Amino acid sequence: MHPALVAPLLPEFAQQWCQALYEIRDNEEKDSAFRGLCTLVQTNPAGIMKSLLWFCNAIVRWNQPSPELNSMFQTILHGFKQHDAVGWAAQVATFPPVIQERLATRYGV
């Protein structure tokens, strides 16, 4: 509802939110929760950086996101890569191979 108010607090709860999201089966509630999280990330991209692994893990565990949500994922991930390609590559290199592969296959990052 108010991403400008909540987004500054993202570093405090992002990892827990992402962990909860990847454990939930794909459904409308999960879609809604992810759209809310993506809105917070778009409002405060730096707020997810400590939890980027968790965020990416939650994204790649989603089997078939809605077209709108998939587009949000793509926009955010490509935005991170374009903003700091070297930093992005260094961070993704630390991810487990399965996450790296799914990010590359699904989102081209």
PDB file of N, CA and C in Angstrom:
ATOM      1  N   MET A   1       0.816  -1.199   0.000  1.00  0.00           N
ATOM      2  CA  MET A   1       0.000   0.000   0.000  1.00  0.00           C
ATOM      3  C   MET A   1       0.858   1.261   0.000  1.00  0.00           C
ATOM      4  N   HIS A   2       1.894   1.274   0.826  1.00  0.00           N
ATOM      5  CA  HIS A   2       2.730   2.469   0.971  1.00  0.00           C
ATOM      6  C   HIS A   2       4.207   2.088   0.851  1.00  0.00           C
ATOM      7  N   PRO A   3       4.643   1.736  -0.352  1.00  0.00           N
ATOM      8  CA  PRO A   3       6.028   1.276  -0.494  1.00  0.00           C
ATOM      9  C   PRO A   3       7.069   2.309  -0.063  1.00  0.00           C
ATOM     10  N   ALA A   4       6.777   3.584  -0.218  1.00  0.00           N
ATOM     11  CA  ALA A   4       7.749   4.606   0.179  1.00  0.00           C
ATOM     12  C   ALA A   4       7.995   4.585   1.690  1.00  0.00           C
ATOM     13  N   LEU A   5       6.998   4.179   2.449  1.00  0.00           N
ATOM     14  CA  LEU A   5       7.154   4.113   3.909  1.00  0.00           C
ATOM     15  C   LEU A   5       7.848   2.830   4.348  1.00  0.00           C
ATOM     16  N   VAL A   6       7.577   1.737   3.648  1.00  0.00           N
ATOM     17  CA  VAL A   6       8.082   0.426   4.047  1.00  0.00           C
ATOM     18  C   VAL A   6       9.447   0.114   3.426  1.00  0.00           C
ATOM     19  N   ALA A   7       9.694   0.580   2.212  1.00  0.00           N
ATOM     20  CA  ALA A   7      10.919   0.237   1.480  1.00  0.00           C
ATOM     21  C   ALA A   7      12.208   0.548   2.240  1.00  0.00           C
ATOM     22  N   PRO A   8      12.307   1.643   2.990  1.00  0.00           N
ATOM     23  CA  PRO A   8      13.549   1.884   3.730  1.00  0.00           C
ATOM     24  C   PRO A   8      13.863   0.788   4.763  1.00  0.00           C
ATOM     25  N   LEU A   9      12.844   0.056   5.183  1.00  0.00           N
ATOM     26  CA  LEU A   9      13.027  -1.010   6.172  1.00  0.00           C
ATOM     27  C   LEU A   9      13.329  -2.361   5.530  1.00  0.00           C
ATOM     28  N   LEU A  10      13.378  -2.423   4.222  1.00  0.00           N
ATOM     29  CA  LEU A  10      13.569  -3.675   3.491  1.00  0.00           C
ATOM     30  C   LEU A  10      14.760  -4.500   3.986  1.00  0.00           C
ATOM     31  N   PRO A  11      15.906  -3.906   4.255  1.00  0.00           N
ATOM     32  CA  PRO A  11      17.034  -4.725   4.721  1.00  0.00           C
ATOM     33  C   PRO A  11      16.747  -5.491   6.010  1.00  0.00           C
ATOM     34  N   GLU A  12      15.817  -4.995   6.800  1.00  0.00           N
ATOM     35  CA  GLU A  12      15.508  -5.629   8.084  1.00  0.00           C
ATOM     36  C   GLU A  12      14.677  -6.903   7.946  1.00  0.00           C
ATOM     37  N   PHE A  13      13.925  -7.057   6.856  1.00  0.00           N
ATOM     38  CA  PHE A  13      13.038  -8.215   6.752  1.00  0.00           C
ATOM     39  C   PHE A  13      13.106  -8.949   5.418  1.00  0.00           C
ATOM     40  N   ALA A  14      13.909  -8.492   4.487  1.00  0.00           N
ATOM     41  CA  ALA A  14      13.919  -9.081   3.138  1.00  0.00           C
ATOM     42  C   ALA A  14      14.271 -10.564   3.143  1.00  0.00           C
ATOM     43  N   GLN A  15      15.299 -10.954   3.880  1.00  0.00           N
ATOM     44  CA  GLN A  15      15.706 -12.359   3.863  1.00  0.00           C
ATOM     45  C   GLN A  15      14.587 -13.257   4.374  1.00  0.00           C
ATOM     46  N   GLN A  16      13.952 -12.877   5.473  1.00  0.00           N
ATOM     47  CA  GLN A  16      12.872 -13.692   6.022  1.00  0.00           C
ATOM     48  C   GLN A  16      11.691 -13.777   5.050  1.00  0.00           C
ATOM     49  N   TRP A  17      11.374 -12.656   4.410  1.00  0.00           N
ATOM     50  CA  TRP A  17      10.273 -12.625   3.453  1.00  0.00           C
ATOM     51  C   TRP A  17      10.587 -13.563   2.290  1.00  0.00           C
ATOM     52  N   CYS A  18      11.805 -13.497   1.792  1.00  0.00           N
ATOM     53  CA  CYS A  18      12.196 -14.353   0.665  1.00  0.00           C
ATOM     54  C   CYS A  18      12.193 -15.824   1.057  1.00  0.00           C
ATOM     55  N   GLN A  19      12.673 -16.125   2.254  1.00  0.00           N
ATOM     56  CA  GLN A  19      12.654 -17.509   2.718  1.00  0.00           C
ATOM     57  C   GLN A  19      11.224 -18.027   2.811  1.00  0.00           C
ATOM     58  N   ALA A  20      10.344 -17.214   3.312  1.00  0.00           N
ATOM     59  CA  ALA A  20       8.943 -17.630   3.407  1.00  0.00           C
ATOM     60  C   ALA A  20       8.340 -17.839   2.022  1.00  0.00           C
ATOM     61  N   LEU A  21       8.679 -16.972   1.089  1.00  0.00           N
ATOM     62  CA  LEU A  21       8.100 -17.076  -0.251  1.00  0.00           C
ATOM     63  C   LEU A  21       8.562 -18.313  -0.998  1.00  0.00           C
ATOM     64  N   TYR A  22       9.820 -18.706  -0.844  1.00  0.00           N
ATOM     65  CA  TYR A  22      10.239 -19.864  -1.620  1.00  0.00           C
ATOM     66  C   TYR A  22       9.716 -21.163  -1.038  1.00  0.00           C
ATOM     67  N   GLU A  23       9.218 -21.145   0.185  1.00  0.00           N
ATOM     68  CA  GLU A  23       8.672 -22.354   0.793  1.00  0.00           C
ATOM     69  C   GLU A  23       7.177 -22.520   0.517  1.00  0.00           C
ATOM     70  N   ILE A  24       6.523 -21.490   0.038  1.00  0.00           N
ATOM     71  CA  ILE A  24       5.080 -21.531  -0.210  1.00  0.00           C
ATOM     72  C   ILE A  24       4.817 -22.047  -1.618  1.00  0.00           C
ATOM     73  N   ARG A  25       3.790 -22.863  -1.753  1.00  0.00           N
ATOM     74  CA  ARG A  25       3.443 -23.343  -3.098  1.00  0.00           C
ATOM     75  C   ARG A  25       2.929 -22.178  -3.931  1.00  0.00           C
ATOM     76  N   ASP A  26       3.074 -22.298  -5.237  1.00  0.00           N
ATOM     77  CA  ASP A  26       2.663 -21.247  -6.157  1.00  0.00           C
ATOM     78  C   ASP A  26       1.140 -21.073  -6.113  1.00  0.00           C
ATOM     79  N   ASN A  27       0.695 -19.866  -5.812  1.00  0.00           N
ATOM     80  CA  ASN A  27      -0.732 -19.555  -5.807  1.00  0.00           C
ATOM     81  C   ASN A  27      -0.911 -18.035  -5.850  1.00  0.00           C
ATOM     82  N   GLU A  28      -2.149 -17.584  -5.805  1.00  0.00           N
ATOM     83  CA  GLU A  28      -2.441 -16.148  -5.903  1.00  0.00           C
ATOM     84  C   GLU A  28      -1.870 -15.346  -4.736  1.00  0.00           C
ATOM     85  N   GLU A  29      -1.890 -15.929  -3.536  1.00  0.00           N
ATOM     86  CA  GLU A  29      -1.331 -15.206  -2.386  1.00  0.00           C
ATOM     87  C   GLU A  29       0.168 -15.003  -2.554  1.00  0.00           C
ATOM     88  N   LYS A  30       0.856 -16.035  -3.047  1.00  0.00           N
ATOM     89  CA  LYS A  30       2.289 -15.930  -3.274  1.00  0.00           C
ATOM     90  C   LYS A  30       2.566 -14.889  -4.358  1.00  0.00           C
ATOM     91  N   ASP A  31       1.755 -14.882  -5.398  1.00  0.00           N
ATOM     92  CA  ASP A  31       1.896 -13.895  -6.466  1.00  0.00           C
ATOM     93  C   ASP A  31       1.750 -12.487  -5.899  1.00  0.00           C
ATOM     94  N   SER A  32       0.737 -12.284  -5.089  1.00  0.00           N
ATOM     95  CA  SER A  32       0.490 -10.975  -4.495  1.00  0.00           C
ATOM     96  C   SER A  32       1.642 -10.553  -3.575  1.00  0.00           C
ATOM     97  N   ALA A  33       2.134 -11.489  -2.769  1.00  0.00           N
ATOM     98  CA  ALA A  33       3.238 -11.186  -1.860  1.00  0.00           C
ATOM     99  C   ALA A  33       4.502 -10.833  -2.646  1.00  0.00           C
ATOM    100  N   PHE A  34       4.754 -11.554  -3.735  1.00  0.00           N
ATOM    101  CA  PHE A  34       5.918 -11.261  -4.563  1.00  0.00           C
ATOM    102  C   PHE A  34       5.782  -9.911  -5.253  1.00  0.00           C
ATOM    103  N   ARG A  35       4.571  -9.577  -5.727  1.00  0.00           N
ATOM    104  CA  ARG A  35       4.394  -8.272  -6.362  1.00  0.00           C
ATOM    105  C   ARG A  35       4.670  -7.152  -5.362  1.00  0.00           C
ATOM    106  N   GLY A  36       4.236  -7.352  -4.127  1.00  0.00           N
ATOM    107  CA  GLY A  36       4.521  -6.373  -3.082  1.00  0.00           C
ATOM    108  C   GLY A  36       6.008  -6.254  -2.816  1.00  0.00           C
ATOM    109  N   LEU A  37       6.684  -7.392  -2.738  1.00  0.00           N
ATOM    110  CA  LEU A  37       8.130  -7.369  -2.516  1.00  0.00           C
ATOM    111  C   LEU A  37       8.848  -6.700  -3.676  1.00  0.00           C
ATOM    112  N   CYS A  38       8.441  -7.025  -4.897  1.00  0.00           N
ATOM    113  CA  CYS A  38       9.067  -6.408  -6.069  1.00  0.00           C
ATOM    114  C   CYS A  38       8.858  -4.899  -6.084  1.00  0.00           C
ATOM    115  N   THR A  39       7.711  -4.445  -5.655  1.00  0.00           N
ATOM    116  CA  THR A  39       7.451  -3.008  -5.576  1.00  0.00           C
ATOM    117  C   THR A  39       8.393  -2.356  -4.568  1.00  0.00           C
ATOM    118  N   LEU A  40       8.631  -3.035  -3.451  1.00  0.00           N
ATOM    119  CA  LEU A  40       9.577  -2.510  -2.461  1.00  0.00           C
ATOM    120  C   LEU A  40      10.998  -2.478  -3.020  1.00  0.00           C
ATOM    121  N   VAL A  41      11.373  -3.528  -3.746  1.00  0.00           N
ATOM    122  CA  VAL A  41      12.710  -3.583  -4.338  1.00  0.00           C
ATOM    123  C   VAL A  41      12.871  -2.486  -5.384  1.00  0.00           C
ATOM    124  N   GLN A  42      11.839  -2.249  -6.172  1.00  0.00           N
ATOM    125  CA  GLN A  42      11.910  -1.178  -7.172  1.00  0.00           C
ATOM    126  C   GLN A  42      12.019   0.184  -6.499  1.00  0.00           C
ATOM    127  N   THR A  43      11.411   0.341  -5.341  1.00  0.00           N
ATOM    128  CA  THR A  43      11.453   1.594  -4.598  1.00  0.00           C
ATOM    129  C   THR A  43      12.797   1.781  -3.896  1.00  0.00           C
ATOM    130  N   ASN A  44      13.374   0.679  -3.417  1.00  0.00           N
ATOM    131  CA  ASN A  44      14.636   0.731  -2.679  1.00  0.00           C
ATOM    132  C   ASN A  44      15.529  -0.437  -3.109  1.00  0.00           C
ATOM    133  N   PRO A  45      16.115  -0.380  -4.296  1.00  0.00           N
ATOM    134  CA  PRO A  45      16.940  -1.498  -4.778  1.00  0.00           C
ATOM    135  C   PRO A  45      18.099  -1.853  -3.843  1.00  0.00           C
ATOM    136  N   ALA A  46      18.695  -0.871  -3.219  1.00  0.00           N
ATOM    137  CA  ALA A  46      19.806  -1.151  -2.303  1.00  0.00           C
ATOM    138  C   ALA A  46      19.350  -1.968  -1.095  1.00  0.00           C
ATOM    139  N   GLY A  47      18.069  -1.888  -0.782  1.00  0.00           N
ATOM    140  CA  GLY A  47      17.531  -2.587   0.379  1.00  0.00           C
ATOM    141  C   GLY A  47      17.518  -4.095   0.260  1.00  0.00           C
ATOM    142  N   ILE A  48      17.639  -4.624  -0.950  1.00  0.00           N
ATOM    143  CA  ILE A  48      17.613  -6.078  -1.145  1.00  0.00           C
ATOM    144  C   ILE A  48      19.018  -6.652  -1.290  1.00  0.00           C
ATOM    145  N   MET A  49      20.018  -5.808  -1.416  1.00  0.00           N
ATOM    146  CA  MET A  49      21.358  -6.288  -1.762  1.00  0.00           C
ATOM    147  C   MET A  49      21.940  -7.266  -0.743  1.00  0.00           C
ATOM    148  N   LYS A  50      21.703  -7.064   0.539  1.00  0.00           N
ATOM    149  CA  LYS A  50      22.178  -8.013   1.549  1.00  0.00           C
ATOM    150  C   LYS A  50      21.491  -9.364   1.410  1.00  0.00           C
ATOM    151  N   SER A  51      20.326  -9.369   0.825  1.00  0.00           N
ATOM    152  CA  SER A  51      19.515 -10.588   0.703  1.00  0.00           C
ATOM    153  C   SER A  51      19.331 -11.007  -0.749  1.00  0.00           C
ATOM    154  N   LEU A  52      20.227 -10.559  -1.621  1.00  0.00           N
ATOM    155  CA  LEU A  52      20.056 -10.846  -3.049  1.00  0.00           C
ATOM    156  C   LEU A  52      20.015 -12.345  -3.345  1.00  0.00           C
ATOM    157  N   LEU A  53      20.857 -13.120  -2.685  1.00  0.00           N
ATOM    158  CA  LEU A  53      20.829 -14.572  -2.882  1.00  0.00           C
ATOM    159  C   LEU A  53      19.451 -15.132  -2.543  1.00  0.00           C
ATOM    160  N   TRP A  54      18.904 -14.706  -1.432  1.00  0.00           N
ATOM    161  CA  TRP A  54      17.592 -15.197  -0.996  1.00  0.00           C
ATOM    162  C   TRP A  54      16.492 -14.767  -1.968  1.00  0.00           C
ATOM    163  N   PHE A  55      16.601 -13.535  -2.440  1.00  0.00           N
ATOM    164  CA  PHE A  55      15.631 -13.003  -3.401  1.00  0.00           C
ATOM    165  C   PHE A  55      15.685 -13.817  -4.697  1.00  0.00           C
ATOM    166  N   CYS A  56      16.874 -14.026  -5.217  1.00  0.00           N
ATOM    167  CA  CYS A  56      17.022 -14.787  -6.468  1.00  0.00           C
ATOM    168  C   CYS A  56      16.594 -16.240  -6.286  1.00  0.00           C
ATOM    169  N   ASN A  57      16.908 -16.815  -5.140  1.00  0.00           N
ATOM    170  CA  ASN A  57      16.490 -18.188  -4.862  1.00  0.00           C
ATOM    171  C   ASN A  57      14.966 -18.297  -4.863  1.00  0.00           C
ATOM    172  N   ALA A  58      14.316 -17.338  -4.241  1.00  0.00           N
ATOM    173  CA  ALA A  58      12.851 -17.351  -4.207  1.00  0.00           C
ATOM    174  C   ALA A  58      12.274 -17.186  -5.610  1.00  0.00           C
ATOM    175  N   ILE A  59      12.896 -16.345  -6.418  1.00  0.00           N
ATOM    176  CA  ILE A  59      12.427 -16.131  -7.791  1.00  0.00           C
ATOM    177  C   ILE A  59      12.538 -17.414  -8.606  1.00  0.00           C
ATOM    178  N   VAL A  60      13.691 -18.060  -8.558  1.00  0.00           N
ATOM    179  CA  VAL A  60      13.888 -19.232  -9.419  1.00  0.00           C
ATOM    180  C   VAL A  60      13.115 -20.461  -8.944  1.00  0.00           C
ATOM    181  N   ARG A  61      12.664 -20.454  -7.714  1.00  0.00           N
ATOM    182  CA  ARG A  61      11.846 -21.573  -7.227  1.00  0.00           C
ATOM    183  C   ARG A  61      10.380 -21.464  -7.669  1.00  0.00           C
ATOM    184  N   TRP A  62      10.020 -20.305  -8.194  1.00  0.00           N
ATOM    185  CA  TRP A  62       8.659 -20.107  -8.700  1.00  0.00           C
ATOM    186  C   TRP A  62       8.558 -20.845 -10.026  1.00  0.00           C
ATOM    187  N   ASN A  63       7.621 -21.789 -10.141  1.00  0.00           N
ATOM    188  CA  ASN A  63       7.530 -22.611 -11.345  1.00  0.00           C
ATOM    189  C   ASN A  63       6.993 -21.860 -12.550  1.00  0.00           C
ATOM    190  N   GLN A  64       5.843 -21.225 -12.399  1.00  0.00           N
ATOM    191  CA  GLN A  64       5.247 -20.495 -13.509  1.00  0.00           C
ATOM    192  C   GLN A  64       4.639 -19.192 -12.999  1.00  0.00           C
ATOM    193  N   PRO A  65       5.477 -18.172 -12.843  1.00  0.00           N
ATOM    194  CA  PRO A  65       4.923 -16.893 -12.382  1.00  0.00           C
ATOM    195  C   PRO A  65       3.988 -16.302 -13.431  1.00  0.00           C
ATOM    196  N   SER A  66       3.062 -15.501 -12.976  1.00  0.00           N
ATOM    197  CA  SER A  66       2.159 -14.821 -13.903  1.00  0.00           C
ATOM    198  C   SER A  66       2.988 -13.948 -14.842  1.00  0.00           C
ATOM    199  N   PRO A  67       2.468 -13.628 -16.020  1.00  0.00           N
ATOM    200  CA  PRO A  67       3.224 -12.764 -16.940  1.00  0.00           C
ATOM    201  C   PRO A  67       3.636 -11.439 -16.302  1.00  0.00           C
ATOM    202  N   GLU A  68       2.743 -10.842 -15.514  1.00  0.00           N
ATOM    203  CA  GLU A  68       3.055  -9.565 -14.853  1.00  0.00           C
ATOM    204  C   GLU A  68       4.219  -9.738 -13.880  1.00  0.00           C
ATOM    205  N   LEU A  69       4.169 -10.783 -13.069  1.00  0.00           N
ATOM    206  CA  LEU A  69       5.215 -11.015 -12.087  1.00  0.00           C
ATOM    207  C   LEU A  69       6.530 -11.388 -12.769  1.00  0.00           C
ATOM    208  N   ASN A  70       6.462 -12.211 -13.794  1.00  0.00           N
ATOM    209  CA  ASN A  70       7.663 -12.585 -14.528  1.00  0.00           C
ATOM    210  C   ASN A  70       8.337 -11.340 -15.120  1.00  0.00           C
ATOM    211  N   SER A  71       7.525 -10.414 -15.620  1.00  0.00           N
ATOM    212  CA  SER A  71       8.051  -9.163 -16.164  1.00  0.00           C
ATOM    213  C   SER A  71       8.716  -8.332 -15.072  1.00  0.00           C
ATOM    214  N   MET A  72       8.119  -8.312 -13.881  1.00  0.00           N
ATOM    215  CA  MET A  72       8.716  -7.586 -12.758  1.00  0.00           C
ATOM    216  C   MET A  72      10.077  -8.192 -12.407  1.00  0.00           C
ATOM    217  N   PHE A  73      10.134  -9.526 -12.351  1.00  0.00           N
ATOM    218  CA  PHE A  73      11.400 -10.194 -12.053  1.00  0.00           C
ATOM    219  C   PHE A  73      12.452  -9.806 -13.083  1.00  0.00           C
ATOM    220  N   GLN A  74      12.083  -9.889 -14.337  1.00  0.00           N
ATOM    221  CA  GLN A  74      13.018  -9.590 -15.428  1.00  0.00           C
ATOM    222  C   GLN A  74      13.526  -8.149 -15.331  1.00  0.00           C
ATOM    223  N   THR A  75      12.623  -7.220 -15.104  1.00  0.00           N
ATOM    224  CA  THR A  75      12.988  -5.808 -15.001  1.00  0.00           C
ATOM    225  C   THR A  75      13.955  -5.565 -13.847  1.00  0.00           C
ATOM    226  N   ILE A  76      13.656  -6.137 -12.700  1.00  0.00           N
ATOM    227  CA  ILE A  76      14.505  -5.947 -11.521  1.00  0.00           C
ATOM    228  C   ILE A  76      15.884  -6.564 -11.737  1.00  0.00           C
ATOM    229  N   LEU A  77      15.903  -7.806 -12.206  1.00  0.00           N
ATOM    230  CA  LEU A  77      17.180  -8.494 -12.383  1.00  0.00           C
ATOM    231  C   LEU A  77      18.055  -7.806 -13.428  1.00  0.00           C
ATOM    232  N   HIS A  78      17.456  -7.428 -14.546  1.00  0.00           N
ATOM    233  CA  HIS A  78      18.224  -6.723 -15.572  1.00  0.00           C
ATOM    234  C   HIS A  78      18.667  -5.349 -15.081  1.00  0.00           C
ATOM    235  N   GLY A  79      17.851  -4.713 -14.256  1.00  0.00           N
ATOM    236  CA  GLY A  79      18.234  -3.423 -13.677  1.00  0.00           C
ATOM    237  C   GLY A  79      19.465  -3.550 -12.799  1.00  0.00           C
ATOM    238  N   PHE A  80      19.516  -4.599 -11.971  1.00  0.00           N
ATOM    239  CA  PHE A  80      20.697  -4.818 -11.138  1.00  0.00           C
ATOM    240  C   PHE A  80      21.928  -5.047 -12.005  1.00  0.00           C
ATOM    241  N   LYS A  81      21.767  -5.876 -13.023  1.00  0.00           N
ATOM    242  CA  LYS A  81      22.904  -6.194 -13.890  1.00  0.00           C
ATOM    243  C   LYS A  81      23.386  -4.951 -14.642  1.00  0.00           C
ATOM    244  N   GLN A  82      22.466  -4.147 -15.159  1.00  0.00           N
ATOM    245  CA  GLN A  82      22.840  -2.956 -15.915  1.00  0.00           C
ATOM    246  C   GLN A  82      23.459  -1.888 -15.024  1.00  0.00           C
ATOM    247  N   HIS A  83      22.980  -1.786 -13.796  1.00  0.00           N
ATOM    248  CA  HIS A  83      23.479  -0.762 -12.880  1.00  0.00           C
ATOM    249  C   HIS A  83      24.941  -1.003 -12.501  1.00  0.00           C
ATOM    250  N   ASP A  84      25.289  -2.284 -12.269  1.00  0.00           N
ATOM    251  CA  ASP A  84      26.653  -2.626 -11.846  1.00  0.00           C
ATOM    252  C   ASP A  84      26.970  -4.036 -12.334  1.00  0.00           C
ATOM    253  N   ALA A  85      27.329  -4.152 -13.602  1.00  0.00           N
ATOM    254  CA  ALA A  85      27.564  -5.463 -14.218  1.00  0.00           C
ATOM    255  C   ALA A  85      28.663  -6.244 -13.504  1.00  0.00           C
ATOM    256  N   VAL A  86      29.726  -5.579 -13.112  1.00  0.00           N
ATOM    257  CA  VAL A  86      30.831  -6.266 -12.434  1.00  0.00           C
ATOM    258  C   VAL A  86      30.397  -6.748 -11.053  1.00  0.00           C
ATOM    259  N   GLY A  87      29.735  -5.887 -10.302  1.00  0.00           N
ATOM    260  CA  GLY A  87      29.234  -6.256  -8.979  1.00  0.00           C
ATOM    261  C   GLY A  87      28.206  -7.372  -9.059  1.00  0.00           C
ATOM    262  N   TRP A  88      27.315  -7.277 -10.052  1.00  0.00           N
ATOM    263  CA  TRP A  88      26.302  -8.305 -10.261  1.00  0.00           C
ATOM    264  C   TRP A  88      26.982  -9.647 -10.537  1.00  0.00           C
ATOM    265  N   ALA A  89      27.919  -9.655 -11.461  1.00  0.00           N
ATOM    266  CA  ALA A  89      28.606 -10.900 -11.824  1.00  0.00           C
ATOM    267  C   ALA A  89      29.341 -11.496 -10.623  1.00  0.00           C
ATOM    268  N   ALA A  90      29.985 -10.644  -9.848  1.00  0.00           N
ATOM    269  CA  ALA A  90      30.713 -11.121  -8.666  1.00  0.00           C
ATOM    270  C   ALA A  90      29.759 -11.743  -7.649  1.00  0.00           C
ATOM    271  N   GLN A  91      28.619 -11.111  -7.450  1.00  0.00           N
ATOM    272  CA  GLN A  91      27.668 -11.636  -6.466  1.00  0.00           C
ATOM    273  C   GLN A  91      27.030 -12.928  -6.968  1.00  0.00           C
ATOM    274  N   VAL A  92      26.608 -12.954  -8.222  1.00  0.00           N
ATOM    275  CA  VAL A  92      25.968 -14.156  -8.774  1.00  0.00           C
ATOM    276  C   VAL A  92      26.948 -15.327  -8.790  1.00  0.00           C
ATOM    277  N   ALA A  93      28.230 -15.048  -8.962  1.00  0.00           N
ATOM    278  CA  ALA A  93      29.246 -16.112  -8.961  1.00  0.00           C
ATOM    279  C   ALA A  93      29.293 -16.859  -7.634  1.00  0.00           C
ATOM    280  N   THR A  94      28.812 -16.234  -6.563  1.00  0.00           N
ATOM    281  CA  THR A  94      28.797 -16.885  -5.248  1.00  0.00           C
ATOM    282  C   THR A  94      27.538 -17.721  -5.030  1.00  0.00           C
ATOM    283  N   PHE A  95      26.555 -17.608  -5.925  1.00  0.00           N
ATOM    284  CA  PHE A  95      25.304 -18.350  -5.785  1.00  0.00           C
ATOM    285  C   PHE A  95      25.527 -19.820  -6.124  1.00  0.00           C
ATOM    286  N   PRO A  96      24.721 -20.717  -5.569  1.00  0.00           N
ATOM    287  CA  PRO A  96      24.782 -22.119  -5.975  1.00  0.00           C
ATOM    288  C   PRO A  96      24.536 -22.240  -7.486  1.00  0.00           C
ATOM    289  N   PRO A  97      25.179 -23.200  -8.137  1.00  0.00           N
ATOM    290  CA  PRO A  97      25.054 -23.352  -9.594  1.00  0.00           C
ATOM    291  C   PRO A  97      23.615 -23.439 -10.098  1.00  0.00           C
ATOM    292  N   VAL A  98      22.735 -24.099  -9.369  1.00  0.00           N
ATOM    293  CA  VAL A  98      21.356 -24.235  -9.845  1.00  0.00           C
ATOM    294  C   VAL A  98      20.668 -22.877  -9.945  1.00  0.00           C
ATOM    295  N   ILE A  99      20.953 -21.985  -9.015  1.00  0.00           N
ATOM    296  CA  ILE A  99      20.367 -20.647  -9.065  1.00  0.00           C
ATOM    297  C   ILE A  99      20.965 -19.870 -10.229  1.00  0.00           C
ATOM    298  N   GLN A 100      22.275 -19.955 -10.408  1.00  0.00           N
ATOM    299  CA  GLN A 100      22.928 -19.290 -11.529  1.00  0.00           C
ATOM    300  C   GLN A 100      22.326 -19.753 -12.857  1.00  0.00           C
ATOM    301  N   GLU A 101      22.155 -21.055 -13.003  1.00  0.00           N
ATOM    302  CA  GLU A 101      21.625 -21.615 -14.251  1.00  0.00           C
ATOM    303  C   GLU A 101      20.201 -21.152 -14.517  1.00  0.00           C
ATOM    304  N   ARG A 102      19.375 -21.166 -13.494  1.00  0.00           N
ATOM    305  CA  ARG A 102      17.982 -20.749 -13.682  1.00  0.00           C
ATOM    306  C   ARG A 102      17.865 -19.264 -13.975  1.00  0.00           C
ATOM    307  N   LEU A 103      18.687 -18.453 -13.336  1.00  0.00           N
ATOM    308  CA  LEU A 103      18.681 -17.019 -13.637  1.00  0.00           C
ATOM    309  C   LEU A 103      19.097 -16.782 -15.088  1.00  0.00           C
ATOM    310  N   ALA A 104      20.113 -17.504 -15.535  1.00  0.00           N
ATOM    311  CA  ALA A 104      20.590 -17.353 -16.907  1.00  0.00           C
ATOM    312  C   ALA A 104      19.548 -17.844 -17.913  1.00  0.00           C
ATOM    313  N   THR A 105      18.954 -18.996 -17.636  1.00  0.00           N
ATOM    314  CA  THR A 105      17.999 -19.591 -18.572  1.00  0.00           C
ATOM    315  C   THR A 105      16.702 -18.794 -18.636  1.00  0.00           C
ATOM    316  N   ARG A 106      16.158 -18.452 -17.495  1.00  0.00           N
ATOM    317  CA  ARG A 106      14.855 -17.772 -17.454  1.00  0.00           C
ATOM    318  C   ARG A 106      14.933 -16.286 -17.745  1.00  0.00           C
ATOM    319  N   TYR A 107      15.983 -15.642 -17.248  1.00  0.00           N
ATOM    320  CA  TYR A 107      16.016 -14.172 -17.292  1.00  0.00           C
ATOM    321  C   TYR A 107      17.214 -13.598 -18.035  1.00  0.00           C
ATOM    322  N   GLY A 108      18.109 -14.443 -18.485  1.00  0.00           N
ATOM    323  CA  GLY A 108      19.242 -13.970 -19.255  1.00  0.00           C
ATOM    324  C   GLY A 108      20.213 -13.113 -18.464  1.00  0.00           C
ATOM    325  N   VAL A 109      20.312 -13.371 -17.163  1.00  0.00           N
ATOM    326  CA  VAL A 109      21.254 -12.611 -16.327  1.00  0.00           C
ATOM    327  C   VAL A 109      22.212 -13.551 -15.619  1.00  0.00           C
TER     328      VAL A 109
END
